């Protein structure tokens, strides 16, 4: 799970509604969710210690109405538009119609995303908890969303389908039922293990002083293959001692995949990717 000391998530469903702190529910992918009716005057606010340029939305129920999203960042005195927005949750014109990533960039000719010392000085957050030293983003639908259930907002670097292309044996209900002796048919996929895989990768990057926070990752696709192998490793580890060969093979594959170059890491932590930051490498070695 993501610590609420690292990421805060608040929302207001419409003008005049209460501002709700949903950090604990939406940072924990193992437990908790939020169901809301988000009108075109409502917002989801996300704050982190450093600038960030993407978030994965794990949705349980989806928006079925035509709408898009506006994404703004707090400059210290006003909300400003992001640019180059890419919404991977769209289904036939309906944003948040499926789980997926939201990506955005800052306008490099007008980049002044400010670390706000007190969230109560941020427009829209005046009535919320007093949160210090965060960079704030807000998301607003252009039309009313009647009902939406969000399980988690965080990171996912690989999908089940991508993992199955490397490990087809895991695309099997019998295998899923073996996972911690799940009741037959109740475990339909490996999303939790994919989210865990992203956590492992981020922890590794922090341990090697490549990043301070996950928001410095500008291109999540760089870690797709790493995540595929780590996700499989987590699954085989959970299946027990009878899968020792698969555990060793997937861990080796993960370590090899993590020997990466040109990572697109925002080392300056300013929300803008510059030339030399594209050349950063992991420098991983086999253990």
Protein backbone atom coordinates (compact mmCIF):
# COMPACT_ATOMS: atom_id res chain seq x y z
CA UNK A 1 0.00 0.00 0.00
CA UNK A 2 0.97 3.64 -0.40
CA UNK A 3 1.54 5.47 2.87
CA UNK A 4 -0.75 8.37 3.64
CA UNK A 5 2.45 10.18 4.63
CA UNK A 6 3.42 9.96 0.95
CA UNK A 7 0.14 10.50 -0.90
CA UNK A 8 -3.08 12.23 0.14
CA UNK A 9 -6.36 11.96 -1.75
CA UNK A 10 -9.41 14.11 -1.07
CA UNK A 11 -12.60 14.68 -3.04
CA UNK A 12 -15.66 16.88 -3.16
CA UNK A 13 -18.60 15.54 -5.16
CA UNK A 14 -20.08 18.92 -6.12
CA UNK A 15 -20.16 22.57 -5.14
CA UNK A 16 -21.48 22.78 -1.59
CA UNK A 17 -20.64 19.18 -0.71
CA UNK A 18 -18.27 18.24 2.11
CA UNK A 19 -14.59 17.77 1.35
CA UNK A 20 -13.74 14.14 2.18
CA UNK A 21 -10.28 12.74 3.00
CA UNK A 22 -10.18 9.32 1.28
CA UNK A 23 -6.41 8.78 1.65
CA UNK A 24 -6.54 5.68 3.83
CA UNK A 25 -9.14 3.94 1.65
CA UNK A 26 -7.59 4.74 -1.73
CA UNK A 27 -3.92 4.29 -0.82
CA UNK A 28 -4.52 0.73 0.40
CA UNK A 29 -5.18 -1.61 -2.53
CA UNK A 30 -5.84 -4.57 -0.22
CA UNK A 31 -8.76 -3.03 1.61
CA UNK A 32 -11.06 -0.06 1.22
CA UNK A 33 -12.78 1.72 -1.65
CA UNK A 34 -14.78 4.88 -2.26
CA UNK A 35 -18.08 5.20 -4.14
CA UNK A 36 -18.96 8.70 -5.24
CA UNK A 37 -21.16 10.69 -7.59
CA UNK A 38 -18.74 13.19 -9.10
CA UNK A 39 -20.50 16.13 -10.71
CA UNK A 40 -18.89 18.52 -13.17
CA UNK A 41 -18.38 20.94 -10.26
CA UNK A 42 -16.65 18.30 -8.15
CA UNK A 43 -12.96 17.46 -7.86
CA UNK A 44 -10.55 14.73 -6.86
CA UNK A 45 -7.45 16.22 -5.24
CA UNK A 46 -4.15 14.31 -5.08
CA UNK A 47 -1.13 15.55 -3.16
CA UNK A 48 2.42 14.23 -2.96
CA UNK A 49 5.76 15.41 -1.58
CA UNK A 50 7.24 15.75 -5.09
CA UNK A 51 5.73 16.58 -8.51
CA UNK A 52 4.15 13.58 -10.26
CA UNK A 53 2.94 13.00 -13.80
CA UNK A 54 0.76 9.87 -13.73
CA UNK A 55 -1.60 7.83 -11.56
CA UNK A 56 -3.22 4.44 -12.10
CA UNK A 57 -6.93 4.27 -11.22
CA UNK A 58 -8.17 0.84 -10.14
CA UNK A 59 -11.93 1.00 -10.57
CA UNK A 60 -14.58 -1.44 -9.37
CA UNK A 61 -17.57 0.22 -11.02
CA UNK A 62 -17.24 2.46 -14.05
CA UNK A 63 -18.59 5.64 -15.53
CA UNK A 64 -21.11 5.04 -18.31
CA UNK A 65 -21.68 8.68 -19.33
CA UNK A 66 -19.82 10.75 -21.93
CA UNK A 67 -17.23 12.93 -20.22
CA UNK A 68 -13.56 13.83 -20.26
CA UNK A 69 -11.24 15.00 -17.49
CA UNK A 70 -9.57 18.31 -16.80
CA UNK A 71 -6.32 18.03 -14.82
CA UNK A 72 -4.80 21.06 -13.13
CA UNK A 73 -1.87 21.70 -10.78
CA UNK A 74 -1.58 24.30 -8.02
CA UNK A 75 0.97 27.01 -8.82
CA UNK A 76 0.99 28.55 -5.36
CA UNK A 77 -1.64 31.16 -6.25
CA UNK A 78 -3.95 29.53 -8.83
CA UNK A 79 -4.84 26.30 -10.60
CA UNK A 80 -3.14 25.90 -13.99
CA UNK A 81 -3.85 23.46 -16.80
CA UNK A 82 -1.59 20.51 -17.44
CA UNK A 83 -0.74 19.64 -21.05
CA UNK A 84 -0.28 16.47 -23.11
CA UNK A 85 -2.96 14.65 -21.14
CA UNK A 86 -3.46 10.97 -21.95
CA UNK A 87 -6.46 9.23 -20.45
CA UNK A 88 -6.17 5.43 -20.58
CA UNK A 89 -9.49 4.99 -18.75
CA UNK A 90 -11.67 6.12 -21.69
CA UNK A 91 -14.22 3.71 -23.17
CA UNK A 92 -16.20 5.04 -26.18
CA UNK A 93 -15.92 8.62 -24.98
CA UNK A 94 -16.56 7.85 -21.31
CA UNK A 95 -13.65 8.74 -19.05
CA UNK A 96 -13.17 6.45 -16.05
CA UNK A 97 -14.96 3.78 -18.05
CA UNK A 98 -12.34 1.22 -17.09
CA UNK A 99 -9.26 0.92 -14.89
CA UNK A 100 -6.19 2.59 -16.34
CA UNK A 101 -3.62 5.35 -16.19
CA UNK A 102 -3.99 9.09 -16.34
CA UNK A 103 -0.85 10.81 -17.68
CA UNK A 104 -0.13 14.52 -17.93
CA UNK A 105 2.77 16.95 -18.30
CA UNK A 106 3.53 20.47 -17.14
CA UNK A 107 3.83 23.27 -19.66
CA UNK A 108 7.61 23.74 -19.71
CA UNK A 109 7.14 27.40 -20.66
CA UNK A 110 5.05 27.97 -17.53
CA UNK A 111 6.30 25.49 -14.94
CA UNK A 112 5.81 26.71 -11.43
CA UNK A 113 4.22 23.77 -9.64
CA UNK A 114 4.73 24.90 -6.05
CA UNK A 115 5.21 22.89 -2.88
CA UNK A 116 2.38 24.36 -0.81
CA UNK A 117 3.42 24.73 2.83
CA UNK A 118 -0.22 24.60 4.04
CA UNK A 119 -3.01 22.88 2.12
CA UNK A 120 -5.60 25.20 3.68
CA UNK A 121 -4.15 27.92 1.44
CA UNK A 122 -4.99 25.89 -1.68
CA UNK A 123 -8.21 26.91 -3.43
CA UNK A 124 -10.75 24.15 -2.78
CA UNK A 125 -8.91 22.63 0.18
CA UNK A 126 -9.58 25.37 2.72
CA UNK A 127 -12.06 23.26 4.70
CA UNK A 128 -9.98 20.08 4.71
CA UNK A 129 -7.29 18.77 7.01
CA UNK A 130 -4.18 20.91 7.35
CA UNK A 131 -1.52 19.10 5.27
CA UNK A 132 1.96 20.53 4.97
CA UNK A 133 4.49 20.65 2.12
CA UNK A 134 2.64 18.88 -0.70
CA UNK A 135 2.34 19.40 -4.44
CA UNK A 136 -1.37 19.37 -5.34
CA UNK A 137 -3.23 18.20 -8.42
CA UNK A 138 -6.96 18.29 -9.06
CA UNK A 139 -9.09 16.26 -11.48
CA UNK A 140 -12.55 17.32 -12.67
CA UNK A 141 -15.01 15.63 -15.06
CA UNK A 142 -16.50 17.82 -17.78
CA UNK A 143 -19.93 16.22 -17.20
CA UNK A 144 -21.65 14.61 -14.23
CA UNK A 145 -20.62 11.06 -13.30
CA UNK A 146 -23.59 9.47 -11.53
CA UNK A 147 -21.70 6.69 -9.76
CA UNK A 148 -18.12 5.51 -9.63
CA UNK A 149 -16.28 3.17 -7.27
CA UNK A 150 -12.52 3.61 -6.92
CA UNK A 151 -10.50 0.89 -5.20
CA UNK A 152 -7.03 2.40 -5.43
CA UNK A 153 -5.01 5.23 -6.95
CA UNK A 154 -1.35 4.37 -7.41
CA UNK A 155 0.87 2.42 -9.81
CA UNK A 156 0.56 -0.66 -12.02
CA UNK A 157 3.38 -1.54 -14.42
CA UNK A 158 2.02 -4.79 -15.93
CA UNK A 159 -1.35 -6.39 -16.63
CA UNK A 160 -2.42 -10.01 -16.30
CA UNK A 161 -2.61 -10.34 -20.08
CA UNK A 162 0.97 -9.16 -20.48
CA UNK A 163 2.14 -11.56 -17.79
CA UNK A 164 0.28 -14.49 -19.39
CA UNK A 165 2.22 -13.94 -22.61
CA UNK A 166 5.36 -14.90 -20.67
CA UNK A 167 3.80 -17.25 -18.11
CA UNK A 168 0.73 -18.90 -19.71
CA UNK A 169 0.57 -21.52 -16.93
CA UNK A 170 -0.67 -18.79 -14.58
CA UNK A 171 -3.73 -18.17 -16.77
CA UNK A 172 -5.50 -21.01 -15.08
CA UNK A 173 -8.39 -21.06 -12.61
CA UNK A 174 -7.01 -24.12 -10.83
CA UNK A 175 -3.78 -22.21 -10.16
CA UNK A 176 -5.70 -19.16 -8.97
CA UNK A 177 -7.70 -21.36 -6.62
CA UNK A 178 -4.44 -22.67 -5.14
CA UNK A 179 -3.40 -19.15 -4.11
CA UNK A 180 -3.63 -19.20 -0.31
CA UNK A 181 -6.39 -21.80 -0.69
CA UNK A 182 -8.86 -19.35 -2.16
CA UNK A 183 -12.46 -20.49 -2.39
CA UNK A 184 -12.97 -22.02 -5.87
CA UNK A 185 -13.64 -19.41 -8.52
CA UNK A 186 -13.33 -16.41 -6.19
CA UNK A 187 -9.91 -15.27 -7.42
CA UNK A 188 -10.37 -14.26 -11.04
CA UNK A 189 -7.05 -12.54 -11.70
CA UNK A 190 -3.71 -11.36 -10.34
CA UNK A 191 -4.28 -7.60 -10.01
CA UNK A 192 -3.20 -7.51 -6.36
CA UNK A 193 0.08 -9.20 -7.28
CA UNK A 194 0.57 -6.70 -10.12
CA UNK A 195 0.14 -3.82 -7.66
CA UNK A 196 2.55 -5.54 -5.27
CA UNK A 197 5.05 -5.88 -8.11
CA UNK A 198 4.96 -2.11 -8.67
CA UNK A 199 5.63 -1.62 -4.96
CA UNK A 200 8.67 -3.92 -5.12
CA UNK A 201 10.10 -2.06 -8.11
CA UNK A 202 9.60 1.35 -6.49
CA UNK A 203 11.23 0.10 -3.29
CA UNK A 204 14.21 -1.19 -5.28
CA UNK A 205 14.59 2.15 -7.06
CA UNK A 206 14.49 4.00 -3.74
CA UNK A 207 17.01 1.63 -2.16
CA UNK A 208 19.46 2.38 -4.98
CA UNK A 209 18.89 6.15 -4.64
CA UNK A 210 17.48 6.40 -8.17
CA UNK A 211 14.25 7.98 -6.95
CA UNK A 212 12.96 9.53 -3.76
CA UNK A 213 9.28 9.10 -4.67
CA UNK A 214 7.40 7.23 -7.39
CA UNK A 215 6.25 10.46 -9.03
CA UNK A 216 9.74 10.88 -10.48
CA UNK A 217 9.04 8.00 -12.88
CA UNK A 218 8.06 9.68 -16.15
CA UNK A 219 7.62 6.57 -18.29
CA UNK A 220 5.95 3.68 -16.47
CA UNK A 221 6.30 1.46 -19.56
CA UNK A 222 10.05 1.26 -18.89
CA UNK A 223 9.27 -1.10 -16.02
CA UNK A 224 6.74 -3.29 -17.80
CA UNK A 225 9.00 -6.32 -18.33
CA UNK A 226 10.45 -6.01 -14.82
CA UNK A 227 6.95 -6.02 -13.40
CA UNK A 228 5.86 -9.03 -15.47
CA UNK A 229 8.65 -11.14 -13.99
CA UNK A 230 8.20 -9.80 -10.46
CA UNK A 231 4.45 -10.34 -10.59
CA UNK A 232 5.04 -13.96 -11.60
CA UNK A 233 7.66 -14.32 -8.87
CA UNK A 234 5.20 -13.08 -6.24
CA UNK A 235 2.60 -15.57 -7.46
CA UNK A 236 4.93 -18.56 -7.52
CA UNK A 237 6.27 -17.61 -4.09
CA UNK A 238 2.73 -17.57 -2.74
CA UNK A 239 1.98 -20.95 -4.28
CA UNK A 240 4.54 -22.58 -1.99
CA UNK A 241 7.58 -24.84 -1.93
CA UNK A 242 6.45 -26.99 -4.81
CA UNK A 243 7.27 -24.11 -7.18
CA UNK A 244 10.87 -23.51 -6.09
CA UNK A 245 12.24 -23.75 -9.65
CA UNK A 246 9.74 -21.17 -10.91
CA UNK A 247 10.49 -18.91 -7.95
CA UNK A 248 14.21 -18.94 -8.71
CA UNK A 249 13.71 -18.49 -12.47
CA UNK A 250 11.32 -15.56 -12.13
CA UNK A 251 13.55 -13.81 -9.58
CA UNK A 252 16.54 -14.13 -11.91
CA UNK A 253 14.44 -12.85 -14.82
CA UNK A 254 13.36 -9.88 -12.70
CA UNK A 255 16.91 -8.97 -11.72
CA UNK A 256 18.06 -9.21 -15.33
CA UNK A 257 15.14 -7.06 -16.54
CA UNK A 258 15.97 -4.38 -13.98
CA UNK A 259 19.36 -3.70 -15.61
CA UNK A 260 17.89 -0.73 -17.42
CA UNK A 261 19.19 2.34 -19.21
CA UNK A 262 17.45 5.57 -20.32
CA UNK A 263 14.91 5.43 -17.53
CA UNK A 264 13.32 8.89 -17.94
CA UNK A 265 13.61 9.71 -14.22
CA UNK A 266 12.90 13.24 -13.01
CA UNK A 267 16.00 13.48 -10.81
CA UNK A 268 15.55 17.23 -10.34
CA UNK A 269 12.06 16.50 -8.95
CA UNK A 270 10.56 19.54 -10.68
CA UNK A 271 7.94 17.84 -12.85
CA UNK A 272 9.84 18.36 -16.11
CA UNK A 273 12.01 15.76 -17.88
CA UNK A 274 15.22 17.19 -19.29
CA UNK A 275 17.85 15.73 -21.61
CA UNK A 276 20.29 14.18 -19.17
CA UNK A 277 17.49 12.74 -17.04
CA UNK A 278 16.60 10.45 -19.93
CA UNK A 279 19.99 8.74 -19.66
CA UNK A 280 19.77 7.51 -16.07
CA UNK A 281 20.37 3.80 -15.60
CA UNK A 282 19.65 1.45 -12.73
CA UNK A 283 23.08 -0.11 -12.37
CA UNK A 284 21.45 -3.25 -10.95
CA UNK A 285 23.55 -6.36 -10.45
CA UNK A 286 22.47 -9.90 -9.76
CA UNK A 287 22.35 -10.78 -6.10
